[in-house]
């Protein structure tokens, strides 16, 4: 029986990666000088995984990427379907990812691999369509994280056109954010002082605005809303208008834990396009 996030089948991620093509492209680029080598940096988003579809990206690969002369003092791990439990209740499968990443963090905490505090923060995944029952998963992740677990990311990306929709890593129905059961699950995060991050295509930003507004009445609720827009034919003006509306309306003044992270991967690129990789 397949578990949530089982990565042994067809890879349905945001990108199609080729380590060999990426390495060849990077080798053609001259090294860039480090401008501020003493500036402390937190890497806010990276993954760790080992699958046939995405290749191997563990601690040695991460340390190589961040070891180019910049002062990366700590990192935040973002969920990526890695190392889900194969045994036990399916709703607790994502706890395995937290256990795995905490182990990587413990390696760094030993001091044997450098001073960077890798995975000082961990953002996992839990099935909010469990409704209130998702609290059991969240509490298990808090325990597994040993003080590092900060919240979850739950993708809401959907597009009716196969050429766009195929890049969503999980299947969801349109407008899932309006589902009462999903909202019930979402409400458990604030009760546990956990953050929420969503990503969706930019035509779905009105739904992100609506979701953010629905939680603004709870001053204890933490949320992070992230938009990823890549291969969409929606006019740029529509995207920009939605981003401005989200920035204006989703983060009420006086609610310090409410955070809107506005980011987009644009479909245009100046110069030769590199082989795309998301780590």
C-alpha atoms as a PDB file:
ATOM      1  CA  UNK A   1       0.000   0.000   0.000  1.00  0.00           C
ATOM      2  CA  UNK A   2       1.434   3.395  -0.992  1.00  0.00           C
ATOM      3  CA  UNK A   3       1.915   5.966   1.729  1.00  0.00           C
ATOM      4  CA  UNK A   4       1.635   9.719   1.539  1.00  0.00           C
ATOM      5  CA  UNK A   5       4.681  11.028  -0.273  1.00  0.00           C
ATOM      6  CA  UNK A   6       5.796   7.656  -1.641  1.00  0.00           C
ATOM      7  CA  UNK A   7       8.524   8.742  -4.050  1.00  0.00           C
ATOM      8  CA  UNK A   8       9.236   5.400  -5.706  1.00  0.00           C
ATOM      9  CA  UNK A   9       6.821   5.896  -8.581  1.00  0.00           C
ATOM     10  CA  UNK A  10       6.767   8.574 -11.270  1.00  0.00           C
ATOM     11  CA  UNK A  11       8.289  11.790 -10.005  1.00  0.00           C
ATOM     12  CA  UNK A  12       5.652  14.526 -10.019  1.00  0.00           C
ATOM     13  CA  UNK A  13       7.679  17.361  -8.575  1.00  0.00           C
ATOM     14  CA  UNK A  14       8.068  20.979  -9.508  1.00  0.00           C
ATOM     15  CA  UNK A  15      11.043  20.258 -11.736  1.00  0.00           C
ATOM     16  CA  UNK A  16      12.713  17.505 -13.682  1.00  0.00           C
ATOM     17  CA  UNK A  17      16.289  17.386 -12.539  1.00  0.00           C
ATOM     18  CA  UNK A  18      19.414  15.938 -14.084  1.00  0.00           C
ATOM     19  CA  UNK A  19      22.466  16.081 -11.858  1.00  0.00           C
ATOM     20  CA  UNK A  20      24.801  15.423 -14.798  1.00  0.00           C
ATOM     21  CA  UNK A  21      23.319  18.223 -16.904  1.00  0.00           C
ATOM     22  CA  UNK A  22      23.371  20.624 -13.979  1.00  0.00           C
ATOM     23  CA  UNK A  23      26.993  19.833 -13.116  1.00  0.00           C
ATOM     24  CA  UNK A  24      28.021  20.341 -16.736  1.00  0.00           C
ATOM     25  CA  UNK A  25      26.252  23.709 -16.881  1.00  0.00           C
ATOM     26  CA  UNK A  26      27.761  24.885 -13.591  1.00  0.00           C
ATOM     27  CA  UNK A  27      31.249  23.890 -14.746  1.00  0.00           C
ATOM     28  CA  UNK A  28      31.004  26.393 -17.608  1.00  0.00           C
ATOM     29  CA  UNK A  29      30.376  29.289 -15.237  1.00  0.00           C
ATOM     30  CA  UNK A  30      33.292  31.191 -13.686  1.00  0.00           C
ATOM     31  CA  UNK A  31      33.351  31.200  -9.866  1.00  0.00           C
ATOM     32  CA  UNK A  32      31.802  34.257  -8.259  1.00  0.00           C
ATOM     33  CA  UNK A  33      33.596  36.200  -5.575  1.00  0.00           C
ATOM     34  CA  UNK A  34      32.003  36.233  -2.119  1.00  0.00           C
ATOM     35  CA  UNK A  35      31.042  39.844  -1.470  1.00  0.00           C
ATOM     36  CA  UNK A  36      30.435  39.744   2.296  1.00  0.00           C
ATOM     37  CA  UNK A  37      32.098  36.623   3.701  1.00  0.00           C
ATOM     38  CA  UNK A  38      31.418  37.595   7.319  1.00  0.00           C
ATOM     39  CA  UNK A  39      27.704  38.305   6.882  1.00  0.00           C
ATOM     40  CA  UNK A  40      25.703  35.672   8.819  1.00  0.00           C
ATOM     41  CA  UNK A  41      23.241  33.905   6.523  1.00  0.00           C
ATOM     42  CA  UNK A  42      20.345  31.564   7.257  1.00  0.00           C
ATOM     43  CA  UNK A  43      19.443  29.306   4.339  1.00  0.00           C
ATOM     44  CA  UNK A  44      15.622  29.378   4.660  1.00  0.00           C
ATOM     45  CA  UNK A  45      14.716  26.539   2.287  1.00  0.00           C
ATOM     46  CA  UNK A  46      16.473  23.330   1.364  1.00  0.00           C
ATOM     47  CA  UNK A  47      15.654  19.641   1.018  1.00  0.00           C
ATOM     48  CA  UNK A  48      17.321  16.319   1.802  1.00  0.00           C
ATOM     49  CA  UNK A  49      16.380  13.223  -0.201  1.00  0.00           C
ATOM     50  CA  UNK A  50      17.429  10.010  -1.884  1.00  0.00           C
ATOM     51  CA  UNK A  51      15.133   8.769  -4.643  1.00  0.00           C
ATOM     52  CA  UNK A  52      15.697   7.338  -8.129  1.00  0.00           C
ATOM     53  CA  UNK A  53      13.751  10.248  -9.590  1.00  0.00           C
ATOM     54  CA  UNK A  54      15.547  13.107  -7.852  1.00  0.00           C
ATOM     55  CA  UNK A  55      18.937  11.626  -7.048  1.00  0.00           C
ATOM     56  CA  UNK A  56      20.884  11.820  -3.811  1.00  0.00           C
ATOM     57  CA  UNK A  57      21.014  15.023  -1.763  1.00  0.00           C
ATOM     58  CA  UNK A  58      22.169  14.418   1.791  1.00  0.00           C
ATOM     59  CA  UNK A  59      24.443  16.255   4.204  1.00  0.00           C
ATOM     60  CA  UNK A  60      27.648  16.069   2.068  1.00  0.00           C
ATOM     61  CA  UNK A  61      25.838  17.568  -0.935  1.00  0.00           C
ATOM     62  CA  UNK A  62      24.289  20.330   1.170  1.00  0.00           C
ATOM     63  CA  UNK A  63      27.597  21.211   2.813  1.00  0.00           C
ATOM     64  CA  UNK A  64      29.249  21.412  -0.590  1.00  0.00           C
ATOM     65  CA  UNK A  65      26.581  23.838  -1.819  1.00  0.00           C
ATOM     66  CA  UNK A  66      26.766  26.139   1.197  1.00  0.00           C
ATOM     67  CA  UNK A  67      30.533  25.866   1.632  1.00  0.00           C
ATOM     68  CA  UNK A  68      31.592  28.283  -1.088  1.00  0.00           C
ATOM     69  CA  UNK A  69      32.840  31.001   1.239  1.00  0.00           C
ATOM     70  CA  UNK A  70      29.588  32.463   2.539  1.00  0.00           C
ATOM     71  CA  UNK A  71      28.929  32.467   6.266  1.00  0.00           C
ATOM     72  CA  UNK A  72      25.876  30.174   6.360  1.00  0.00           C
ATOM     73  CA  UNK A  73      25.241  29.783  10.087  1.00  0.00           C
ATOM     74  CA  UNK A  74      22.032  27.728   9.996  1.00  0.00           C
ATOM     75  CA  UNK A  75      19.410  26.280   7.678  1.00  0.00           C
ATOM     76  CA  UNK A  76      15.709  25.474   7.513  1.00  0.00           C
ATOM     77  CA  UNK A  77      14.572  22.157   6.051  1.00  0.00           C
ATOM     78  CA  UNK A  78      11.381  22.120   3.946  1.00  0.00           C
ATOM     79  CA  UNK A  79       9.358  18.953   3.480  1.00  0.00           C
ATOM     80  CA  UNK A  80       9.946  16.973   0.287  1.00  0.00           C
ATOM     81  CA  UNK A  81       8.313  13.542   0.804  1.00  0.00           C
ATOM     82  CA  UNK A  82      11.584  12.198   2.237  1.00  0.00           C
ATOM     83  CA  UNK A  83      11.838   9.037   4.355  1.00  0.00           C
ATOM     84  CA  UNK A  84       8.176   8.606   5.205  1.00  0.00           C
ATOM     85  CA  UNK A  85       7.419   5.669   7.482  1.00  0.00           C
ATOM     86  CA  UNK A  86       6.441   2.501   5.663  1.00  0.00           C
ATOM     87  CA  UNK A  87       4.830   0.883   8.687  1.00  0.00           C
ATOM     88  CA  UNK A  88       2.100   2.035  11.018  1.00  0.00           C
ATOM     89  CA  UNK A  89      -0.881   4.335  10.451  1.00  0.00           C
ATOM     90  CA  UNK A  90      -0.684   6.113   7.124  1.00  0.00           C
ATOM     91  CA  UNK A  91      -1.498   9.469   8.683  1.00  0.00           C
ATOM     92  CA  UNK A  92       1.678   9.186  10.797  1.00  0.00           C
ATOM     93  CA  UNK A  93       3.910   8.375   7.816  1.00  0.00           C
ATOM     94  CA  UNK A  94       5.165  11.999   7.507  1.00  0.00           C
ATOM     95  CA  UNK A  95       6.610  11.764  11.027  1.00  0.00           C
ATOM     96  CA  UNK A  96       9.403   9.682   9.500  1.00  0.00           C
ATOM     97  CA  UNK A  97      10.628  12.715   7.588  1.00  0.00           C
ATOM     98  CA  UNK A  98      11.013  14.698  10.818  1.00  0.00           C
ATOM     99  CA  UNK A  99      12.867  11.816  12.461  1.00  0.00           C
ATOM    100  CA  UNK A 100      15.212  11.566   9.473  1.00  0.00           C
ATOM    101  CA  UNK A 101      16.015  15.283   9.370  1.00  0.00           C
ATOM    102  CA  UNK A 102      16.524  15.472  13.116  1.00  0.00           C
ATOM    103  CA  UNK A 103      19.148  12.757  12.678  1.00  0.00           C
ATOM    104  CA  UNK A 104      20.942  14.883  10.076  1.00  0.00           C
ATOM    105  CA  UNK A 105      20.769  17.839  12.452  1.00  0.00           C
ATOM    106  CA  UNK A 106      22.301  15.696  15.187  1.00  0.00           C
ATOM    107  CA  UNK A 107      25.232  14.907  12.902  1.00  0.00           C
ATOM    108  CA  UNK A 108      25.960  18.614  12.557  1.00  0.00           C
ATOM    109  CA  UNK A 109      25.428  19.242  16.265  1.00  0.00           C
ATOM    110  CA  UNK A 110      28.297  16.841  16.955  1.00  0.00           C
ATOM    111  CA  UNK A 111      30.709  19.422  15.574  1.00  0.00           C
ATOM    112  CA  UNK A 112      32.369  16.825  13.370  1.00  0.00           C
ATOM    113  CA  UNK A 113      31.123  18.374  10.136  1.00  0.00           C
ATOM    114  CA  UNK A 114      31.472  22.088  10.727  1.00  0.00           C
ATOM    115  CA  UNK A 115      29.710  24.828  12.629  1.00  0.00           C
ATOM    116  CA  UNK A 116      26.581  25.393  10.509  1.00  0.00           C
ATOM    117  CA  UNK A 117      23.416  24.485  12.414  1.00  0.00           C
ATOM    118  CA  UNK A 118      21.775  22.459   9.655  1.00  0.00           C
ATOM    119  CA  UNK A 119      17.999  22.006   9.984  1.00  0.00           C
ATOM    120  CA  UNK A 120      17.775  24.270  12.991  1.00  0.00           C
ATOM    121  CA  UNK A 121      14.181  24.657  11.842  1.00  0.00           C
ATOM    122  CA  UNK A 122      12.114  21.888  10.239  1.00  0.00           C
ATOM    123  CA  UNK A 123       8.922  22.381   8.210  1.00  0.00           C
ATOM    124  CA  UNK A 124       7.097  19.126   7.556  1.00  0.00           C
ATOM    125  CA  UNK A 125       3.858  17.987   5.972  1.00  0.00           C
ATOM    126  CA  UNK A 126       0.646  16.687   7.475  1.00  0.00           C
ATOM    127  CA  UNK A 127      -2.655  15.851   5.837  1.00  0.00           C
ATOM    128  CA  UNK A 128      -5.001  18.682   6.786  1.00  0.00           C
ATOM    129  CA  UNK A 129      -7.832  16.758   5.133  1.00  0.00           C
ATOM    130  CA  UNK A 130      -7.863  14.667   8.299  1.00  0.00           C
ATOM    131  CA  UNK A 131      -9.615  17.601   9.918  1.00  0.00           C
ATOM    132  CA  UNK A 132      -9.208  17.810  13.677  1.00  0.00           C
ATOM    133  CA  UNK A 133      -7.618  14.345  13.680  1.00  0.00           C
ATOM    134  CA  UNK A 134      -4.452  15.839  12.155  1.00  0.00           C
ATOM    135  CA  UNK A 135      -3.543  17.041  15.640  1.00  0.00           C
ATOM    136  CA  UNK A 136      -2.217  13.545  16.434  1.00  0.00           C
ATOM    137  CA  UNK A 137       0.194  13.805  13.502  1.00  0.00           C
ATOM    138  CA  UNK A 138       1.279  17.307  14.469  1.00  0.00           C
ATOM    139  CA  UNK A 139       1.915  16.349  18.079  1.00  0.00           C
ATOM    140  CA  UNK A 140       3.975  13.351  16.923  1.00  0.00           C
ATOM    141  CA  UNK A 141       6.003  15.642  14.669  1.00  0.00           C
ATOM    142  CA  UNK A 142       6.599  18.099  17.502  1.00  0.00           C
ATOM    143  CA  UNK A 143       7.909  15.236  19.647  1.00  0.00           C
ATOM    144  CA  UNK A 144      10.063  13.852  16.815  1.00  0.00           C
ATOM    145  CA  UNK A 145      11.527  17.277  16.053  1.00  0.00           C
ATOM    146  CA  UNK A 146      13.152  17.760  19.438  1.00  0.00           C
ATOM    147  CA  UNK A 147      12.403  21.485  19.433  1.00  0.00           C
ATOM    148  CA  UNK A 148      13.160  21.994  15.731  1.00  0.00           C
ATOM    149  CA  UNK A 149       9.706  21.414  14.242  1.00  0.00           C
ATOM    150  CA  UNK A 150       8.108  24.722  13.258  1.00  0.00           C
ATOM    151  CA  UNK A 151       5.045  23.866  11.165  1.00  0.00           C
ATOM    152  CA  UNK A 152       3.914  22.397   7.881  1.00  0.00           C
ATOM    153  CA  UNK A 153       3.783  23.123   4.178  1.00  0.00           C
ATOM    154  CA  UNK A 154       0.661  21.988   2.331  1.00  0.00           C
ATOM    155  CA  UNK A 155       0.595  22.469  -1.426  1.00  0.00           C
ATOM    156  CA  UNK A 156      -2.658  23.613  -2.993  1.00  0.00           C
ATOM    157  CA  UNK A 157      -1.403  23.804  -6.575  1.00  0.00           C
ATOM    158  CA  UNK A 158      -4.015  22.836  -9.166  1.00  0.00           C
ATOM    159  CA  UNK A 159      -4.436  23.627 -12.842  1.00  0.00           C
ATOM    160  CA  UNK A 160      -6.902  22.078 -15.252  1.00  0.00           C
ATOM    161  CA  UNK A 161      -4.389  21.969 -18.088  1.00  0.00           C
ATOM    162  CA  UNK A 162      -2.196  18.862 -18.007  1.00  0.00           C
ATOM    163  CA  UNK A 163       0.907  20.732 -19.181  1.00  0.00           C
ATOM    164  CA  UNK A 164       0.744  22.870 -16.031  1.00  0.00           C
ATOM    165  CA  UNK A 165      -0.966  20.627 -13.509  1.00  0.00           C
ATOM    166  CA  UNK A 166       1.590  17.839 -13.934  1.00  0.00           C
ATOM    167  CA  UNK A 167       4.162  19.893 -12.035  1.00  0.00           C
ATOM    168  CA  UNK A 168       2.193  19.752  -8.788  1.00  0.00           C
ATOM    169  CA  UNK A 169       3.850  17.258  -6.450  1.00  0.00           C
ATOM    170  CA  UNK A 170       0.546  16.198  -4.896  1.00  0.00           C
ATOM    171  CA  UNK A 171      -2.896  15.870  -6.416  1.00  0.00           C
ATOM    172  CA  UNK A 172      -5.473  18.213  -4.909  1.00  0.00           C
ATOM    173  CA  UNK A 173      -8.925  19.189  -6.046  1.00  0.00           C
ATOM    174  CA  UNK A 174      -9.653  22.793  -7.110  1.00  0.00           C
ATOM    175  CA  UNK A 175     -10.227  25.249  -4.239  1.00  0.00           C
ATOM    176  CA  UNK A 176      -9.218  22.823  -1.526  1.00  0.00           C
ATOM    177  CA  UNK A 177      -8.599  25.784   0.774  1.00  0.00           C
ATOM    178  CA  UNK A 178     -12.381  26.242   0.939  1.00  0.00           C
ATOM    179  CA  UNK A 179     -13.059  22.685   2.085  1.00  0.00           C
ATOM    180  CA  UNK A 180     -14.490  22.744   5.637  1.00  0.00           C
ATOM    181  CA  UNK A 181     -12.492  19.664   6.633  1.00  0.00           C
ATOM    182  CA  UNK A 182      -9.274  21.314   5.402  1.00  0.00           C
ATOM    183  CA  UNK A 183     -10.114  24.439   7.397  1.00  0.00           C
ATOM    184  CA  UNK A 184     -10.718  22.282  10.467  1.00  0.00           C
ATOM    185  CA  UNK A 185      -7.268  20.759  10.049  1.00  0.00           C
ATOM    186  CA  UNK A 186      -5.713  24.173   9.483  1.00  0.00           C
ATOM    187  CA  UNK A 187      -7.170  25.408  12.763  1.00  0.00           C
ATOM    188  CA  UNK A 188      -5.109  22.829  14.675  1.00  0.00           C
ATOM    189  CA  UNK A 189      -1.883  24.598  13.704  1.00  0.00           C
ATOM    190  CA  UNK A 190      -2.672  27.778  15.602  1.00  0.00           C
ATOM    191  CA  UNK A 191      -3.663  25.749  18.653  1.00  0.00           C
ATOM    192  CA  UNK A 192      -0.162  24.246  18.663  1.00  0.00           C
ATOM    193  CA  UNK A 193       1.598  27.513  17.746  1.00  0.00           C
ATOM    194  CA  UNK A 194       2.732  26.089  14.403  1.00  0.00           C
ATOM    195  CA  UNK A 195       3.174  27.840  11.066  1.00  0.00           C
ATOM    196  CA  UNK A 196       1.424  27.093   7.792  1.00  0.00           C
ATOM    197  CA  UNK A 197       2.947  27.484   4.360  1.00  0.00           C
ATOM    198  CA  UNK A 198       0.994  27.039   1.167  1.00  0.00           C
ATOM    199  CA  UNK A 199       2.182  27.101  -2.400  1.00  0.00           C
ATOM    200  CA  UNK A 200       0.032  27.400  -5.453  1.00  0.00           C
ATOM    201  CA  UNK A 201       0.111  28.674  -9.027  1.00  0.00           C
ATOM    202  CA  UNK A 202      -0.335  32.411  -9.264  1.00  0.00           C
ATOM    203  CA  UNK A 203      -3.828  32.207 -10.809  1.00  0.00           C
ATOM    204  CA  UNK A 204      -4.809  30.678  -7.463  1.00  0.00           C
ATOM    205  CA  UNK A 205      -3.637  33.680  -5.456  1.00  0.00           C
ATOM    206  CA  UNK A 206      -7.197  34.936  -4.850  1.00  0.00           C
ATOM    207  CA  UNK A 207      -7.766  31.695  -2.938  1.00  0.00           C
ATOM    208  CA  UNK A 208      -4.586  32.312  -0.934  1.00  0.00           C
ATOM    209  CA  UNK A 209      -5.828  35.788  -0.082  1.00  0.00           C
ATOM    210  CA  UNK A 210      -9.157  34.358   1.030  1.00  0.00           C
ATOM    211  CA  UNK A 211      -7.446  31.712   3.168  1.00  0.00           C
ATOM    212  CA  UNK A 212      -5.158  34.260   4.811  1.00  0.00           C
ATOM    213  CA  UNK A 213      -8.081  36.560   5.560  1.00  0.00           C
ATOM    214  CA  UNK A 214     -10.007  33.692   7.130  1.00  0.00           C
ATOM    215  CA  UNK A 215      -7.278  33.212   9.747  1.00  0.00           C
ATOM    216  CA  UNK A 216      -6.559  36.862  10.501  1.00  0.00           C
ATOM    217  CA  UNK A 217      -9.081  36.993  13.328  1.00  0.00           C
ATOM    218  CA  UNK A 218      -6.932  34.626  15.396  1.00  0.00           C
ATOM    219  CA  UNK A 219      -3.944  36.618  16.762  1.00  0.00           C
ATOM    220  CA  UNK A 220      -2.165  33.411  17.820  1.00  0.00           C
ATOM    221  CA  UNK A 221      -2.267  31.911  14.363  1.00  0.00           C
ATOM    222  CA  UNK A 222       1.002  31.684  12.455  1.00  0.00           C
ATOM    223  CA  UNK A 223       0.893  31.453   8.719  1.00  0.00           C
ATOM    224  CA  UNK A 224       3.171  31.723   5.722  1.00  0.00           C
ATOM    225  CA  UNK A 225       1.671  31.890   2.269  1.00  0.00           C
ATOM    226  CA  UNK A 226       3.936  31.297  -0.660  1.00  0.00           C
ATOM    227  CA  UNK A 227       3.105  31.573  -4.328  1.00  0.00           C
ATOM    228  CA  UNK A 228       5.034  29.670  -6.947  1.00  0.00           C
ATOM    229  CA  UNK A 229       4.264  30.624 -10.516  1.00  0.00           C
ATOM    230  CA  UNK A 230       6.202  29.076 -13.334  1.00  0.00           C
ATOM    231  CA  UNK A 231       4.625  27.509 -16.397  1.00  0.00           C
ATOM    232  CA  UNK A 232       1.358  29.385 -16.624  1.00  0.00           C
ATOM    233  CA  UNK A 233      -0.146  31.375 -19.460  1.00  0.00           C
ATOM    234  CA  UNK A 234      -2.001  33.724 -17.109  1.00  0.00           C
ATOM    235  CA  UNK A 235      -1.062  37.347 -17.883  1.00  0.00           C
ATOM    236  CA  UNK A 236       1.719  38.820 -15.754  1.00  0.00           C
ATOM    237  CA  UNK A 237      -0.545  41.734 -14.802  1.00  0.00           C
ATOM    238  CA  UNK A 238      -2.978  39.303 -13.181  1.00  0.00           C
ATOM    239  CA  UNK A 239      -0.180  37.788 -11.124  1.00  0.00           C
ATOM    240  CA  UNK A 240       1.118  41.191 -10.017  1.00  0.00           C
ATOM    241  CA  UNK A 241      -2.330  42.406  -9.005  1.00  0.00           C
ATOM    242  CA  UNK A 242      -2.897  39.322  -6.863  1.00  0.00           C
ATOM    243  CA  UNK A 243       0.497  39.640  -5.198  1.00  0.00           C
ATOM    244  CA  UNK A 244      -0.216  43.253  -4.282  1.00  0.00           C
ATOM    245  CA  UNK A 245      -3.610  42.308  -2.875  1.00  0.00           C
ATOM    246  CA  UNK A 246      -2.096  39.503  -0.819  1.00  0.00           C
ATOM    247  CA  UNK A 247       0.582  41.833   0.578  1.00  0.00           C
ATOM    248  CA  UNK A 248      -2.010  44.466   1.504  1.00  0.00           C
ATOM    249  CA  UNK A 249      -4.706  42.305   2.932  1.00  0.00           C
ATOM    250  CA  UNK A 250      -3.313  39.124   4.424  1.00  0.00           C
ATOM    251  CA  UNK A 251      -1.042  40.372   7.188  1.00  0.00           C
ATOM    252  CA  UNK A 252      -2.945  42.405   9.756  1.00  0.00           C
ATOM    253  CA  UNK A 253      -0.997  45.049  11.652  1.00  0.00           C
ATOM    254  CA  UNK A 254      -0.364  43.963  15.230  1.00  0.00           C
ATOM    255  CA  UNK A 255      -0.179  40.261  14.410  1.00  0.00           C
ATOM    256  CA  UNK A 256       3.576  39.613  14.501  1.00  0.00           C
ATOM    257  CA  UNK A 257       3.305  35.888  13.868  1.00  0.00           C
ATOM    258  CA  UNK A 258       1.370  36.372  10.647  1.00  0.00           C
ATOM    259  CA  UNK A 259       3.835  36.305   7.797  1.00  0.00           C
ATOM    260  CA  UNK A 260       3.226  36.424   4.073  1.00  0.00           C
ATOM    261  CA  UNK A 261       6.137  35.107   2.052  1.00  0.00           C
ATOM    262  CA  UNK A 262       5.628  36.294  -1.478  1.00  0.00           C
ATOM    263  CA  UNK A 263       7.778  34.571  -4.052  1.00  0.00           C
ATOM    264  CA  UNK A 264       7.405  33.566  -7.644  1.00  0.00           C
ATOM    265  CA  UNK A 265       9.360  31.611 -10.188  1.00  0.00           C
ATOM    266  CA  UNK A 266       8.879  33.521 -13.405  1.00  0.00           C
ATOM    267  CA  UNK A 267       8.737  31.770 -16.745  1.00  0.00           C
ATOM    268  CA  UNK A 268      11.131  34.213 -18.414  1.00  0.00           C
ATOM    269  CA  UNK A 269      14.904  34.079 -18.109  1.00  0.00           C
ATOM    270  CA  UNK A 270      17.631  36.425 -19.358  1.00  0.00           C
ATOM    271  CA  UNK A 271      20.355  34.422 -21.081  1.00  0.00           C
ATOM    272  CA  UNK A 272      20.717  30.637 -21.425  1.00  0.00           C
ATOM    273  CA  UNK A 273      18.351  28.722 -19.172  1.00  0.00           C
ATOM    274  CA  UNK A 274      20.204  26.437 -16.753  1.00  0.00           C
ATOM    275  CA  UNK A 275      19.051  22.883 -16.024  1.00  0.00           C
ATOM    276  CA  UNK A 276      16.502  23.532 -13.269  1.00  0.00           C
ATOM    277  CA  UNK A 277      17.144  22.060  -9.847  1.00  0.00           C
ATOM    278  CA  UNK A 278      15.346  22.706  -6.588  1.00  0.00           C
ATOM    279  CA  UNK A 279      17.259  21.721  -3.472  1.00  0.00           C
END
